[in-house]
Every structure is written in C-alpha cells, then in structure tokens.
C-alpha cells in the first residue's frame, strides 16, 4: 500500500474520508484536504498529506491505522499542525527514495 502513496495516485482522493481505526467505540473520520509536493527528483520525492478532523478528540502525534473506501487500510504517522474553529489539521510527511 505504501508504494501507492504518491501525490499523483492520491490527488483523486482529496476531499474523501479516512476512518481512524484506533478506537472503534469512538468513530473518527479525517478528510484529506490537500497534497503538497516539496521536492521531486529522479531519486527522491518529498511530499505531505494534510487531513482535517473534528475538534474532539485531538489525535496526539503518532502512528494510526486508517481505512479508506478505495485505498484500503494503511498506517500513517500523523502530527497535529494546526487548529481552526472546525477542528484540527494533521500532516503525514513522506520522504521516498525512488
């Protein structure tokens, strides 16, 4: 699955939901809001995925199991990077060697 996590493969999923599987008793969905590409060379690509979630609960920095309707299950290391009136923003950063 991680091999498919490339900006070009994910752009069609911006605006879609990812279920956080950490606590089945408390369902939590994150929405993929944007993809930012920082560097792309013949040998390396560096990019970030940004997600938006509700105001509660706050996900602490850590690795979470996510499930997407089309992409299936994947583990991402998420870091809370911002907050607005509607909830929290999370970043998953990637530095892939090609």
PDB file of N, CA and C in Angstrom:
ATOM      1  N   UNK A   1       0.818  -1.196   0.000  1.00  0.00           N
ATOM      2  CA  UNK A   1       0.000   0.000   0.000  1.00  0.00           C
ATOM      3  C   UNK A   1       0.861   1.259   0.000  1.00  0.00           C
ATOM      4  N   UNK A   2       1.948   1.272   0.785  1.00  0.00           N
ATOM      5  CA  UNK A   2       2.759   2.479   0.853  1.00  0.00           C
ATOM      6  C   UNK A   2       3.370   2.830  -0.497  1.00  0.00           C
ATOM      7  N   UNK A   3       3.605   1.839  -1.347  1.00  0.00           N
ATOM      8  CA  UNK A   3       4.138   2.117  -2.677  1.00  0.00           C
ATOM      9  C   UNK A   3       3.158   2.937  -3.502  1.00  0.00           C
ATOM     10  N   UNK A   4       1.865   2.833  -3.206  1.00  0.00           N
ATOM     11  CA  UNK A   4       0.846   3.594  -3.928  1.00  0.00           C
ATOM     12  C   UNK A   4       0.692   5.012  -3.388  1.00  0.00           C
ATOM     13  N   UNK A   5       1.305   5.300  -2.258  1.00  0.00           N
ATOM     14  CA  UNK A   5       1.165   6.629  -1.669  1.00  0.00           C
ATOM     15  C   UNK A   5       2.125   7.597  -2.340  1.00  0.00           C
ATOM     16  N   UNK A   6       1.685   8.062  -3.477  1.00  0.00           N
ATOM     17  CA  UNK A   6       2.425   9.048  -4.253  1.00  0.00           C
ATOM     18  C   UNK A   6       1.438  10.157  -4.596  1.00  0.00           C
ATOM     19  N   UNK A   7       1.912  11.393  -4.676  1.00  0.00           N
ATOM     20  CA  UNK A   7       0.992  12.501  -4.948  1.00  0.00           C
ATOM     21  C   UNK A   7       0.087  12.273  -6.153  1.00  0.00           C
ATOM     22  N   UNK A   8       0.632  11.765  -7.237  1.00  0.00           N
ATOM     23  CA  UNK A   8      -0.170  11.544  -8.439  1.00  0.00           C
ATOM     24  C   UNK A   8      -1.272  10.520  -8.252  1.00  0.00           C
ATOM     25  N   UNK A   9      -1.027   9.531  -7.393  1.00  0.00           N
ATOM     26  CA  UNK A   9      -2.023   8.488  -7.138  1.00  0.00           C
ATOM     27  C   UNK A   9      -3.081   8.923  -6.132  1.00  0.00           C
ATOM     28  N   UNK A  10      -2.789   9.969  -5.380  1.00  0.00           N
ATOM     29  CA  UNK A  10      -3.692  10.382  -4.300  1.00  0.00           C
ATOM     30  C   UNK A  10      -4.543  11.600  -4.629  1.00  0.00           C
ATOM     31  N   UNK A  11      -4.185  12.337  -5.665  1.00  0.00           N
ATOM     32  CA  UNK A  11      -4.884  13.587  -5.964  1.00  0.00           C
ATOM     33  C   UNK A  11      -6.389  13.382  -6.138  1.00  0.00           C
ATOM     34  N   UNK A  12      -6.789  12.256  -6.693  1.00  0.00           N
ATOM     35  CA  UNK A  12      -8.219  11.999  -6.886  1.00  0.00           C
ATOM     36  C   UNK A  12      -8.952  11.746  -5.569  1.00  0.00           C
ATOM     37  N   UNK A  13      -8.205  11.532  -4.501  1.00  0.00           N
ATOM     38  CA  UNK A  13      -8.819  11.245  -3.207  1.00  0.00           C
ATOM     39  C   UNK A  13      -8.905  12.475  -2.293  1.00  0.00           C
ATOM     40  N   UNK A  14      -8.425  13.626  -2.769  1.00  0.00           N
ATOM     41  CA  UNK A  14      -8.577  14.858  -1.983  1.00  0.00           C
ATOM     42  C   UNK A  14     -10.068  15.114  -1.811  1.00  0.00           C
ATOM     43  N   UNK A  15     -10.456  15.388  -0.577  1.00  0.00           N
ATOM     44  CA  UNK A  15     -11.868  15.616  -0.267  1.00  0.00           C
ATOM     45  C   UNK A  15     -12.591  14.372   0.221  1.00  0.00           C
ATOM     46  N   UNK A  16     -11.888  13.228   0.239  1.00  0.00           N
ATOM     47  CA  UNK A  16     -12.525  11.993   0.701  1.00  0.00           C
ATOM     48  C   UNK A  16     -12.137  11.693   2.144  1.00  0.00           C
ATOM     49  N   UNK A  17     -12.882  10.764   2.746  1.00  0.00           N
ATOM     50  CA  UNK A  17     -12.713  10.475   4.166  1.00  0.00           C
ATOM     51  C   UNK A  17     -11.876   9.227   4.417  1.00  0.00           C
ATOM     52  N   UNK A  18     -11.130   9.304   5.501  1.00  0.00           N
ATOM     53  CA  UNK A  18     -10.337   8.197   6.021  1.00  0.00           C
ATOM     54  C   UNK A  18     -10.817   7.946   7.447  1.00  0.00           C
ATOM     55  N   UNK A  19     -11.200   6.707   7.741  1.00  0.00           N
ATOM     56  CA  UNK A  19     -11.635   6.350   9.087  1.00  0.00           C
ATOM     57  C   UNK A  19     -10.420   5.996   9.929  1.00  0.00           C
ATOM     58  N   UNK A  20     -10.350   6.571  11.132  1.00  0.00           N
ATOM     59  CA  UNK A  20      -9.290   6.238  12.079  1.00  0.00           C
ATOM     60  C   UNK A  20      -9.765   5.026  12.868  1.00  0.00           C
ATOM     61  N   UNK A  21      -8.976   3.963  12.847  1.00  0.00           N
ATOM     62  CA  UNK A  21      -9.397   2.706  13.454  1.00  0.00           C
ATOM     63  C   UNK A  21      -8.880   2.539  14.882  1.00  0.00           C
ATOM     64  N   UNK A  22      -8.376   3.590  15.503  1.00  0.00           N
ATOM     65  CA  UNK A  22      -7.773   3.497  16.832  1.00  0.00           C
ATOM     66  C   UNK A  22      -8.770   3.086  17.901  1.00  0.00           C
ATOM     67  N   UNK A  23      -9.942   3.669  17.885  1.00  0.00           N
ATOM     68  CA  UNK A  23     -10.935   3.390  18.905  1.00  0.00           C
ATOM     69  C   UNK A  23     -12.281   3.104  18.240  1.00  0.00           C
ATOM     70  N   UNK A  24     -12.610   1.832  18.041  1.00  0.00           N
ATOM     71  CA  UNK A  24     -13.873   1.504  17.367  1.00  0.00           C
ATOM     72  C   UNK A  24     -15.103   2.053  18.086  1.00  0.00           C
ATOM     73  N   UNK A  25     -15.009   2.234  19.397  1.00  0.00           N
ATOM     74  CA  UNK A  25     -16.151   2.759  20.155  1.00  0.00           C
ATOM     75  C   UNK A  25     -16.384   4.239  19.866  1.00  0.00           C
ATOM     76  N   UNK A  26     -15.343   4.927  19.416  1.00  0.00           N
ATOM     77  CA  UNK A  26     -15.442   6.358  19.092  1.00  0.00           C
ATOM     78  C   UNK A  26     -15.031   6.564  17.646  1.00  0.00           C
ATOM     79  N   UNK A  27     -15.950   6.388  16.704  1.00  0.00           N
ATOM     80  CA  UNK A  27     -15.565   6.549  15.299  1.00  0.00           C
ATOM     81  C   UNK A  27     -15.048   7.962  15.022  1.00  0.00           C
ATOM     82  N   UNK A  28     -14.012   8.033  14.220  1.00  0.00           N
ATOM     83  CA  UNK A  28     -13.401   9.306  13.893  1.00  0.00           C
ATOM     84  C   UNK A  28     -13.010   9.282  12.424  1.00  0.00           C
ATOM     85  N   UNK A  29     -13.391  10.318  11.699  1.00  0.00           N
ATOM     86  CA  UNK A  29     -13.061  10.435  10.280  1.00  0.00           C
ATOM     87  C   UNK A  29     -12.186  11.651  10.056  1.00  0.00           C
ATOM     88  N   UNK A  30     -11.201  11.487   9.194  1.00  0.00           N
ATOM     89  CA  UNK A  30     -10.365  12.589   8.744  1.00  0.00           C
ATOM     90  C   UNK A  30     -10.599  12.765   7.254  1.00  0.00           C
ATOM     91  N   UNK A  31     -10.567  13.998   6.796  1.00  0.00           N
ATOM     92  CA  UNK A  31     -10.731  14.295   5.381  1.00  0.00           C
ATOM     93  C   UNK A  31      -9.392  14.734   4.807  1.00  0.00           C
ATOM     94  N   UNK A  32      -8.977  14.094   3.718  1.00  0.00           N
ATOM     95  CA  UNK A  32      -7.763  14.508   3.028  1.00  0.00           C
ATOM     96  C   UNK A  32      -8.054  15.843   2.348  1.00  0.00           C
ATOM     97  N   UNK A  33      -7.372  16.901   2.784  1.00  0.00           N
ATOM     98  CA  UNK A  33      -7.687  18.241   2.278  1.00  0.00           C
ATOM     99  C   UNK A  33      -6.743  18.725   1.190  1.00  0.00           C
ATOM    100  N   UNK A  34      -5.485  18.287   1.260  1.00  0.00           N
ATOM    101  CA  UNK A  34      -4.536  18.748   0.238  1.00  0.00           C
ATOM    102  C   UNK A  34      -3.280  17.896   0.255  1.00  0.00           C
ATOM    103  N   UNK A  35      -2.562  17.985  -0.846  1.00  0.00           N
ATOM    104  CA  UNK A  35      -1.278  17.313  -1.006  1.00  0.00           C
ATOM    105  C   UNK A  35      -0.280  18.383  -1.416  1.00  0.00           C
ATOM    106  N   UNK A  36       0.836  18.444  -0.697  1.00  0.00           N
ATOM    107  CA  UNK A  36       1.864  19.433  -1.017  1.00  0.00           C
ATOM    108  C   UNK A  36       3.139  18.693  -1.406  1.00  0.00           C
ATOM    109  N   UNK A  37       3.597  18.933  -2.636  1.00  0.00           N
ATOM    110  CA  UNK A  37       4.859  18.356  -3.102  1.00  0.00           C
ATOM    111  C   UNK A  37       5.971  19.370  -2.860  1.00  0.00           C
ATOM    112  N   UNK A  38       7.011  18.934  -2.167  1.00  0.00           N
ATOM    113  CA  UNK A  38       8.127  19.825  -1.850  1.00  0.00           C
ATOM    114  C   UNK A  38       9.282  19.633  -2.816  1.00  0.00           C
ATOM    115  N   UNK A  39       9.665  18.390  -3.066  1.00  0.00           N
ATOM    116  CA  UNK A  39      10.799  18.085  -3.934  1.00  0.00           C
ATOM    117  C   UNK A  39      10.511  16.804  -4.688  1.00  0.00           C
ATOM    118  N   UNK A  40      10.880  16.811  -5.955  1.00  0.00           N
ATOM    119  CA  UNK A  40      10.793  15.586  -6.753  1.00  0.00           C
ATOM    120  C   UNK A  40      11.984  15.573  -7.701  1.00  0.00           C
ATOM    121  N   UNK A  41      12.808  14.555  -7.552  1.00  0.00           N
ATOM    122  CA  UNK A  41      13.954  14.371  -8.435  1.00  0.00           C
ATOM    123  C   UNK A  41      13.884  12.950  -8.990  1.00  0.00           C
ATOM    124  N   UNK A  42      14.914  12.556  -9.731  1.00  0.00           N
ATOM    125  CA  UNK A  42      14.972  11.188 -10.251  1.00  0.00           C
ATOM    126  C   UNK A  42      15.131  10.167  -9.123  1.00  0.00           C
ATOM    127  N   UNK A  43      15.625  10.616  -7.978  1.00  0.00           N
ATOM    128  CA  UNK A  43      15.931   9.698  -6.880  1.00  0.00           C
ATOM    129  C   UNK A  43      15.050   9.863  -5.649  1.00  0.00           C
ATOM    130  N   UNK A  44      14.317  10.953  -5.545  1.00  0.00           N
ATOM    131  CA  UNK A  44      13.630  11.237  -4.293  1.00  0.00           C
ATOM    132  C   UNK A  44      12.376  12.063  -4.527  1.00  0.00           C
ATOM    133  N   UNK A  45      11.366  11.807  -3.689  1.00  0.00           N
ATOM    134  CA  UNK A  45      10.189  12.673  -3.671  1.00  0.00           C
ATOM    135  C   UNK A  45       9.811  12.939  -2.227  1.00  0.00           C
ATOM    136  N   UNK A  46       9.590  14.210  -1.935  1.00  0.00           N
ATOM    137  CA  UNK A  46       9.216  14.637  -0.588  1.00  0.00           C
ATOM    138  C   UNK A  46       7.884  15.352  -0.713  1.00  0.00           C
ATOM    139  N   UNK A  47       6.892  14.867   0.049  1.00  0.00           N
ATOM    140  CA  UNK A  47       5.567  15.475  -0.003  1.00  0.00           C
ATOM    141  C   UNK A  47       4.858  15.263   1.330  1.00  0.00           C
ATOM    142  N   UNK A  48       3.777  15.995   1.510  1.00  0.00           N
ATOM    143  CA  UNK A  48       2.956  15.860   2.708  1.00  0.00           C
ATOM    144  C   UNK A  48       1.495  15.731   2.326  1.00  0.00           C
ATOM    145  N   UNK A  49       0.783  14.931   3.115  1.00  0.00           N
ATOM    146  CA  UNK A  49      -0.663  14.838   3.029  1.00  0.00           C
ATOM    147  C   UNK A  49      -1.231  15.595   4.210  1.00  0.00           C
ATOM    148  N   UNK A  50      -2.252  16.396   3.978  1.00  0.00           N
ATOM    149  CA  UNK A  50      -2.896  17.146   5.059  1.00  0.00           C
ATOM    150  C   UNK A  50      -4.332  16.675   5.200  1.00  0.00           C
ATOM    151  N   UNK A  51      -4.702  16.433   6.452  1.00  0.00           N
ATOM    152  CA  UNK A  51      -6.038  15.957   6.796  1.00  0.00           C
ATOM    153  C   UNK A  51      -6.692  16.938   7.752  1.00  0.00           C
ATOM    154  N   UNK A  52      -8.011  16.989   7.717  1.00  0.00           N
ATOM    155  CA  UNK A  52      -8.763  17.794   8.676  1.00  0.00           C
ATOM    156  C   UNK A  52      -9.678  16.864   9.461  1.00  0.00           C
ATOM    157  N   UNK A  53      -9.687  17.061  10.782  1.00  0.00           N
ATOM    158  CA  UNK A  53     -10.537  16.261  11.657  1.00  0.00           C
ATOM    159  C   UNK A  53     -11.332  17.146  12.593  1.00  0.00           C
ATOM    160  N   UNK A  54     -12.214  16.556  13.367  1.00  0.00           N
ATOM    161  CA  UNK A  54     -13.064  17.335  14.270  1.00  0.00           C
ATOM    162  C   UNK A  54     -12.281  17.943  15.435  1.00  0.00           C
ATOM    163  N   UNK A  55     -12.968  18.792  16.196  1.00  0.00           N
ATOM    164  CA  UNK A  55     -12.332  19.431  17.349  1.00  0.00           C
ATOM    165  C   UNK A  55     -12.064  18.450  18.479  1.00  0.00           C
ATOM    166  N   UNK A  56     -12.832  17.391  18.540  1.00  0.00           N
ATOM    167  CA  UNK A  56     -12.607  16.355  19.553  1.00  0.00           C
ATOM    168  C   UNK A  56     -12.849  14.997  18.949  1.00  0.00           C
ATOM    169  N   UNK A  57     -12.044  14.036  19.247  1.00  0.00           N
ATOM    170  CA  UNK A  57     -10.844  14.133  20.068  1.00  0.00           C
ATOM    171  C   UNK A  57      -9.652  14.618  19.244  1.00  0.00           C
ATOM    172  N   UNK A  58      -8.687  15.191  19.919  1.00  0.00           N
ATOM    173  CA  UNK A  58      -7.416  15.545  19.293  1.00  0.00           C
ATOM    174  C   UNK A  58      -6.590  14.272  19.204  1.00  0.00           C
ATOM    175  N   UNK A  59      -6.088  13.970  18.030  1.00  0.00           N
ATOM    176  CA  UNK A  59      -5.165  12.845  17.877  1.00  0.00           C
ATOM    177  C   UNK A  59      -3.767  13.347  18.206  1.00  0.00           C
ATOM    178  N   UNK A  60      -3.145  12.728  19.167  1.00  0.00           N
ATOM    179  CA  UNK A  60      -1.766  13.081  19.511  1.00  0.00           C
ATOM    180  C   UNK A  60      -0.842  12.591  18.400  1.00  0.00           C
ATOM    181  N   UNK A  61       0.341  13.181  18.324  1.00  0.00           N
ATOM    182  CA  UNK A  61       1.327  12.737  17.343  1.00  0.00           C
ATOM    183  C   UNK A  61       1.574  11.247  17.510  1.00  0.00           C
ATOM    184  N   UNK A  62       1.475  10.512  16.410  1.00  0.00           N
ATOM    185  CA  UNK A  62       1.714   9.082  16.481  1.00  0.00           C
ATOM    186  C   UNK A  62       1.251   8.364  15.231  1.00  0.00           C
ATOM    187  N   UNK A  63       1.428   7.054  15.237  1.00  0.00           N
ATOM    188  CA  UNK A  63       1.053   6.214  14.108  1.00  0.00           C
ATOM    189  C   UNK A  63      -0.367   5.714  14.294  1.00  0.00           C
ATOM    190  N   UNK A  64      -1.176   5.871  13.252  1.00  0.00           N
ATOM    191  CA  UNK A  64      -2.582   5.483  13.298  1.00  0.00           C
ATOM    192  C   UNK A  64      -2.923   4.595  12.106  1.00  0.00           C
ATOM    193  N   UNK A  65      -3.788   3.651  12.367  1.00  0.00           N
ATOM    194  CA  UNK A  65      -4.330   2.785  11.311  1.00  0.00           C
ATOM    195  C   UNK A  65      -5.535   3.511  10.709  1.00  0.00           C
ATOM    196  N   UNK A  66      -5.501   3.746   9.409  1.00  0.00           N
ATOM    197  CA  UNK A  66      -6.589   4.427   8.713  1.00  0.00           C
ATOM    198  C   UNK A  66      -7.196   3.478   7.694  1.00  0.00           C
ATOM    199  N   UNK A  67      -8.459   3.704   7.398  1.00  0.00           N
ATOM    200  CA  UNK A  67      -9.133   2.900   6.373  1.00  0.00           C
ATOM    201  C   UNK A  67      -9.849   3.839   5.410  1.00  0.00           C
ATOM    202  N   UNK A  68      -9.632   3.585   4.120  1.00  0.00           N
ATOM    203  CA  UNK A  68     -10.245   4.384   3.063  1.00  0.00           C
ATOM    204  C   UNK A  68     -11.046   3.439   2.175  1.00  0.00           C
ATOM    205  N   UNK A  69     -12.177   3.891   1.688  1.00  0.00           N
ATOM    206  CA  UNK A  69     -13.068   3.044   0.886  1.00  0.00           C
ATOM    207  C   UNK A  69     -12.376   2.450  -0.338  1.00  0.00           C
ATOM    208  N   UNK A  70     -11.497   3.201  -0.981  1.00  0.00           N
ATOM    209  CA  UNK A  70     -10.837   2.701  -2.193  1.00  0.00           C
ATOM    210  C   UNK A  70      -9.395   2.262  -1.961  1.00  0.00           C
ATOM    211  N   UNK A  71      -8.709   2.909  -1.036  1.00  0.00           N
ATOM    212  CA  UNK A  71      -7.302   2.602  -0.809  1.00  0.00           C
ATOM    213  C   UNK A  71      -7.082   1.469   0.188  1.00  0.00           C
ATOM    214  N   UNK A  72      -8.101   1.136   0.950  1.00  0.00           N
ATOM    215  CA  UNK A  72      -7.962   0.089   1.959  1.00  0.00           C
ATOM    216  C   UNK A  72      -7.361   0.626   3.243  1.00  0.00           C
ATOM    217  N   UNK A  73      -6.690  -0.255   3.987  1.00  0.00           N
ATOM    218  CA  UNK A  73      -6.096   0.131   5.268  1.00  0.00           C
ATOM    219  C   UNK A  73      -4.634   0.509   5.094  1.00  0.00           C
ATOM    220  N   UNK A  74      -4.205   1.516   5.850  1.00  0.00           N
ATOM    221  CA  UNK A  74      -2.826   1.940   5.829  1.00  0.00           C
ATOM    222  C   UNK A  74      -2.466   2.561   7.170  1.00  0.00           C
ATOM    223  N   UNK A  75      -1.198   2.509   7.502  1.00  0.00           N
ATOM    224  CA  UNK A  75      -0.703   3.137   8.717  1.00  0.00           C
ATOM    225  C   UNK A  75       0.033   4.409   8.338  1.00  0.00           C
ATOM    226  N   UNK A  76      -0.325   5.500   9.015  1.00  0.00           N
ATOM    227  CA  UNK A  76       0.336   6.782   8.780  1.00  0.00           C
ATOM    228  C   UNK A  76       0.752   7.388  10.104  1.00  0.00           C
ATOM    229  N   UNK A  77       1.911   8.043  10.090  1.00  0.00           N
ATOM    230  CA  UNK A  77       2.357   8.811  11.244  1.00  0.00           C
ATOM    231  C   UNK A  77       1.781  10.214  11.083  1.00  0.00           C
ATOM    232  N   UNK A  78       0.867  10.582  11.956  1.00  0.00           N
ATOM    233  CA  UNK A  78       0.171  11.870  11.877  1.00  0.00           C
ATOM    234  C   UNK A  78       0.661  12.815  12.963  1.00  0.00           C
ATOM    235  N   UNK A  79       0.797  14.079  12.581  1.00  0.00           N
ATOM    236  CA  UNK A  79       1.211  15.123  13.511  1.00  0.00           C
ATOM    237  C   UNK A  79       0.174  16.241  13.450  1.00  0.00           C
ATOM    238  N   UNK A  80      -0.401  16.641  14.605  1.00  0.00           N
ATOM    239  CA  UNK A  80      -1.299  17.794  14.571  1.00  0.00           C
ATOM    240  C   UNK A  80      -0.477  19.057  14.295  1.00  0.00           C
ATOM    241  N   UNK A  81      -0.896  19.831  13.287  1.00  0.00           N
ATOM    242  CA  UNK A  81      -0.115  21.009  12.892  1.00  0.00           C
ATOM    243  C   UNK A  81      -0.908  22.309  12.949  1.00  0.00           C
ATOM    244  N   UNK A  82      -2.193  22.233  13.262  1.00  0.00           N
ATOM    245  CA  UNK A  82      -2.982  23.452  13.325  1.00  0.00           C
ATOM    246  C   UNK A  82      -4.381  23.184  13.827  1.00  0.00           C
ATOM    247  N   UNK A  83      -5.050  24.266  14.164  1.00  0.00           N
ATOM    248  CA  UNK A  83      -6.427  24.177  14.638  1.00  0.00           C
ATOM    249  C   UNK A  83      -7.182  25.389  14.123  1.00  0.00           C
ATOM    250  N   UNK A  84      -8.441  25.154  13.729  1.00  0.00           N
ATOM    251  CA  UNK A  84      -9.338  26.254  13.391  1.00  0.00           C
ATOM    252  C   UNK A  84     -10.644  26.025  14.133  1.00  0.00           C
ATOM    253  N   UNK A  85     -11.648  26.833  13.854  1.00  0.00           N
ATOM    254  CA  UNK A  85     -12.909  26.718  14.586  1.00  0.00           C
ATOM    255  C   UNK A  85     -13.624  25.394  14.330  1.00  0.00           C
ATOM    256  N   UNK A  86     -13.288  24.723  13.210  1.00  0.00           N
ATOM    257  CA  UNK A  86     -13.960  23.479  12.848  1.00  0.00           C
ATOM    258  C   UNK A  86     -13.212  22.220  13.269  1.00  0.00           C
ATOM    259  N   UNK A  87     -11.952  22.354  13.685  1.00  0.00           N
ATOM    260  CA  UNK A  87     -11.215  21.167  14.101  1.00  0.00           C
ATOM    261  C   UNK A  87      -9.717  21.303  13.931  1.00  0.00           C
ATOM    262  N   UNK A  88      -9.066  20.145  13.863  1.00  0.00           N
ATOM    263  CA  UNK A  88      -7.612  20.086  13.796  1.00  0.00           C
ATOM    264  C   UNK A  88      -7.140  19.675  12.413  1.00  0.00           C
ATOM    265  N   UNK A  89      -5.946  20.187  12.065  1.00  0.00           N
ATOM    266  CA  UNK A  89      -5.285  19.770  10.836  1.00  0.00           C
ATOM    267  C   UNK A  89      -4.121  18.864  11.219  1.00  0.00           C
ATOM    268  N   UNK A  90      -3.944  17.795  10.438  1.00  0.00           N
ATOM    269  CA  UNK A  90      -2.885  16.822  10.669  1.00  0.00           C
ATOM    270  C   UNK A  90      -2.047  16.681   9.410  1.00  0.00           C
ATOM    271  N   UNK A  91      -0.756  16.426   9.609  1.00  0.00           N
ATOM    272  CA  UNK A  91       0.154  16.235   8.480  1.00  0.00           C
ATOM    273  C   UNK A  91       0.781  14.848   8.557  1.00  0.00           C
ATOM    274  N   UNK A  92       0.877  14.188   7.404  1.00  0.00           N
ATOM    275  CA  UNK A  92       1.652  12.967   7.237  1.00  0.00           C
ATOM    276  C   UNK A  92       2.721  13.292   6.212  1.00  0.00           C
ATOM    277  N   UNK A  93       3.996  13.296   6.626  1.00  0.00           N
ATOM    278  CA  UNK A  93       5.099  13.690   5.757  1.00  0.00           C
ATOM    279  C   UNK A  93       5.789  12.451   5.199  1.00  0.00           C
ATOM    280  N   UNK A  94       6.225  12.539   3.937  1.00  0.00           N
ATOM    281  CA  UNK A  94       6.877  11.436   3.251  1.00  0.00           C
ATOM    282  C   UNK A  94       8.173  11.902   2.614  1.00  0.00           C
ATOM    283  N   UNK A  95       9.196  11.056   2.701  1.00  0.00           N
ATOM    284  CA  UNK A  95      10.453  11.268   2.032  1.00  0.00           C
ATOM    285  C   UNK A  95      10.821   9.938   1.383  1.00  0.00           C
ATOM    286  N   UNK A  96      10.367   9.739   0.158  1.00  0.00           N
ATOM    287  CA  UNK A  96      10.518   8.457  -0.534  1.00  0.00           C
ATOM    288  C   UNK A  96      11.728   8.467  -1.451  1.00  0.00           C
ATOM    289  N   UNK A  97      12.537   7.426  -1.352  1.00  0.00           N
ATOM    290  CA  UNK A  97      13.611   7.214  -2.316  1.00  0.00           C
ATOM    291  C   UNK A  97      13.016   6.431  -3.487  1.00  0.00           C
ATOM    292  N   UNK A  98      13.320   6.859  -4.682  1.00  0.00           N
ATOM    293  CA  UNK A  98      12.751   6.225  -5.876  1.00  0.00           C
ATOM    294  C   UNK A  98      13.751   5.230  -6.437  1.00  0.00           C
TER     295      UNK A  98
END
